[in-house]
Amino acid sequence: METEQEKAERELAEKLNEEAAERIKNDPANKRVTPEEAEAAERAFFEDDEIITLRDRRKYRIPPCNLKDARRLMKLLKTVNIDAIILNFIPTENDELDAKRQQDLFDVLAMAFKNYPHIVTKDEQGEYIINREYLDEYLDLNTARKVIDMLIGLNGLKK
């Protein structure tokens, strides 16, 4: 049986615990993490692949870049128009620059699909060989932008 003093101590402890829990809940420094924030943090920590479906109705897993590809990705993102993919195909007065801009776009996309030999293979020097016809057929402009955004997000880069 509980004595009066033990009962008072227990009630005081319960009250103090409830007050502490309320303070922690209401503290702005302890704001709740949204499910999207939790998922993004988990993906970054565990380096989960992103999944995207192309127009061939197949799902593709886009992995984070290795260090070599990440350095190259940062360089290529400076030359590729990400927000409006179509602008990479608009001809200018300089055919050489136009070809390079398009190739840079396909090089970025190659990093996303490097695990799919029907889309990307490597030559003897380790450079990617891209099946441009396949991407031209099954990758639309909106999905290309999403793929690039996924690469940026997976690798912790900022636009």
Protein backbone atom coordinates (compact mmCIF):
# COMPACT_ATOMS: atom_id res chain seq x y z
CA MET A 1 0.00 0.00 0.00
CA GLU A 2 1.22 3.47 -0.89
CA THR A 3 1.76 6.02 1.87
CA GLU A 4 0.60 9.61 1.58
CA GLN A 5 4.17 10.79 1.00
CA GLU A 6 4.82 8.17 -1.74
CA LYS A 7 1.52 9.09 -3.41
CA ALA A 8 2.40 12.80 -3.32
CA GLU A 9 5.90 12.09 -4.74
CA ARG A 10 4.46 9.93 -7.53
CA GLU A 11 1.86 12.57 -8.45
CA LEU A 12 4.53 15.28 -8.42
CA ALA A 13 6.81 13.15 -10.65
CA GLU A 14 3.95 12.52 -13.11
CA LYS A 15 3.10 16.22 -13.18
CA LEU A 16 6.74 17.19 -13.77
CA ASN A 17 7.05 14.59 -16.55
CA GLU A 18 3.91 15.89 -18.27
CA GLU A 19 5.15 19.49 -18.03
CA ALA A 20 8.56 18.50 -19.45
CA ALA A 21 6.88 16.61 -22.30
CA GLU A 22 4.73 19.65 -23.12
CA ARG A 23 7.77 21.95 -23.10
CA ILE A 24 9.61 19.64 -25.47
CA LYS A 25 6.57 19.32 -27.77
CA ASN A 26 6.02 23.07 -27.91
CA ASP A 27 9.67 24.02 -28.29
CA PRO A 28 10.18 25.39 -31.85
CA ALA A 29 13.65 23.86 -31.90
CA ASN A 30 11.99 20.44 -31.77
CA LYS A 31 9.65 20.96 -34.70
CA ARG A 32 8.23 17.85 -36.23
CA VAL A 33 9.84 16.50 -39.33
CA THR A 34 7.51 16.01 -42.25
CA PRO A 35 7.45 12.57 -43.85
CA GLU A 36 9.06 14.08 -46.98
CA GLU A 37 11.93 15.54 -44.92
CA ALA A 38 12.42 12.23 -43.13
CA GLU A 39 12.45 10.32 -46.41
CA ALA A 40 14.93 12.76 -47.98
CA ALA A 41 17.23 12.51 -44.97
CA GLU A 42 17.02 8.72 -45.01
CA ARG A 43 17.73 8.59 -48.76
CA ALA A 44 20.73 10.85 -48.34
CA PHE A 45 22.06 8.77 -45.46
CA PHE A 46 21.50 5.38 -47.06
CA GLU A 47 22.03 6.58 -50.64
CA ASP A 48 18.80 5.07 -51.91
CA ASP A 49 18.26 5.15 -55.63
CA GLU A 50 15.46 7.23 -57.11
CA ILE A 51 12.98 5.48 -59.41
CA ILE A 52 11.59 6.95 -62.61
CA THR A 53 9.45 5.56 -65.41
CA LEU A 54 10.31 6.37 -69.01
CA ARG A 55 7.91 6.31 -71.94
CA ASP A 56 8.77 2.64 -72.54
CA ARG A 57 6.81 2.05 -69.29
CA ARG A 58 9.84 0.50 -67.60
CA LYS A 59 11.01 1.67 -64.19
CA TYR A 60 14.64 2.73 -63.90
CA ARG A 61 16.65 3.16 -60.71
CA ILE A 62 18.86 6.24 -60.69
CA PRO A 63 21.81 5.81 -58.33
CA PRO A 64 23.94 8.50 -56.69
CA CYS A 65 27.11 9.31 -58.63
CA ASN A 66 30.49 7.94 -57.74
CA LEU A 67 33.17 10.57 -57.01
CA LYS A 68 34.45 10.69 -60.58
CA ASP A 69 30.97 11.17 -62.00
CA ALA A 70 30.03 13.70 -59.30
CA ARG A 71 32.97 15.95 -60.26
CA ARG A 72 32.02 15.64 -63.92
CA LEU A 73 28.35 16.27 -63.14
CA MET A 74 29.21 19.55 -61.39
CA LYS A 75 31.17 20.70 -64.44
CA LEU A 76 28.46 19.66 -66.91
CA LEU A 77 25.64 21.30 -64.96
CA LYS A 78 27.28 24.66 -65.67
CA THR A 79 26.86 24.15 -69.42
CA VAL A 80 23.45 22.45 -69.57
CA ASN A 81 20.18 24.34 -69.32
CA ILE A 82 18.27 22.39 -66.66
CA ASP A 83 15.08 24.42 -66.31
CA ALA A 84 14.11 24.31 -70.00
CA ILE A 85 15.69 21.21 -71.55
CA ILE A 86 14.49 22.20 -75.03
CA LEU A 87 16.87 25.19 -74.98
CA ASN A 88 19.77 22.74 -75.24
CA PHE A 89 18.56 21.83 -78.74
CA ILE A 90 17.95 25.32 -80.15
CA PRO A 91 20.53 26.02 -82.87
CA THR A 92 22.74 29.07 -82.65
CA GLU A 93 25.33 30.48 -85.04
CA ASN A 94 27.97 28.10 -83.66
CA ASP A 95 27.38 24.45 -84.71
CA GLU A 96 30.30 23.20 -82.62
CA LEU A 97 28.92 24.81 -79.45
CA ASP A 98 25.44 23.45 -80.22
CA ALA A 99 26.79 19.91 -80.58
CA LYS A 100 28.80 20.23 -77.34
CA ARG A 101 25.77 21.51 -75.39
CA GLN A 102 23.67 18.57 -76.61
CA GLN A 103 26.44 16.09 -75.84
CA ASP A 104 26.81 17.57 -72.34
CA LEU A 105 23.09 17.02 -71.76
CA PHE A 106 23.35 13.39 -72.87
CA ASP A 107 26.48 12.93 -70.71
CA VAL A 108 24.51 14.08 -67.66
CA LEU A 109 21.68 11.70 -68.54
CA ALA A 110 24.20 8.90 -69.03
CA MET A 111 25.20 9.18 -65.38
CA ALA A 112 21.61 8.45 -64.42
CA PHE A 113 21.25 5.40 -66.66
CA LYS A 114 24.78 4.01 -66.36
CA ASN A 115 23.50 0.70 -64.92
CA TYR A 116 21.41 -0.06 -68.02
CA PRO A 117 23.55 -1.47 -70.85
CA HIS A 118 20.82 -0.96 -73.45
CA ILE A 119 21.13 2.78 -72.76
CA VAL A 120 24.75 3.35 -71.68
CA THR A 121 27.96 1.36 -72.09
CA LYS A 122 31.61 2.23 -71.47
CA ASP A 123 34.47 2.27 -73.93
CA GLU A 124 38.06 1.14 -73.23
CA GLN A 125 38.94 4.50 -71.64
CA GLY A 126 35.96 4.30 -69.28
CA GLU A 127 33.97 7.00 -71.10
CA TYR A 128 30.23 6.56 -71.46
CA ILE A 129 28.77 5.61 -74.84
CA ILE A 130 25.16 6.73 -74.89
CA ASN A 131 22.40 5.18 -76.96
CA ARG A 132 20.99 8.57 -77.95
CA GLU A 133 18.33 7.03 -80.17
CA TYR A 134 16.88 5.18 -77.19
CA LEU A 135 16.78 8.31 -75.03
CA ASP A 136 15.39 10.35 -77.93
CA GLU A 137 12.59 7.80 -78.28
CA TYR A 138 11.68 7.14 -74.64
CA LEU A 139 12.73 10.24 -72.68
CA ASP A 140 10.58 13.36 -72.94
CA LEU A 141 11.63 16.88 -71.94
CA ASN A 142 9.78 16.91 -68.63
CA THR A 143 11.16 13.52 -67.58
CA ALA A 144 14.68 14.58 -68.59
CA ARG A 145 14.38 17.57 -66.26
CA LYS A 146 13.13 15.27 -63.47
CA VAL A 147 16.06 12.90 -64.03
CA ILE A 148 18.55 15.76 -63.76
CA ASP A 149 16.79 17.09 -60.65
CA MET A 150 17.02 13.59 -59.14
CA LEU A 151 20.75 13.45 -59.86
CA ILE A 152 21.20 16.83 -58.22
CA GLY A 153 19.18 15.77 -55.18
CA LEU A 154 20.80 12.34 -54.80
CA ASN A 155 24.24 13.89 -54.83
CA GLY A 156 23.43 16.77 -52.50
CA LEU A 157 24.14 19.42 -55.13
CA LYS A 158 22.33 22.72 -55.43
CA LYS A 159 21.11 24.29 -58.63
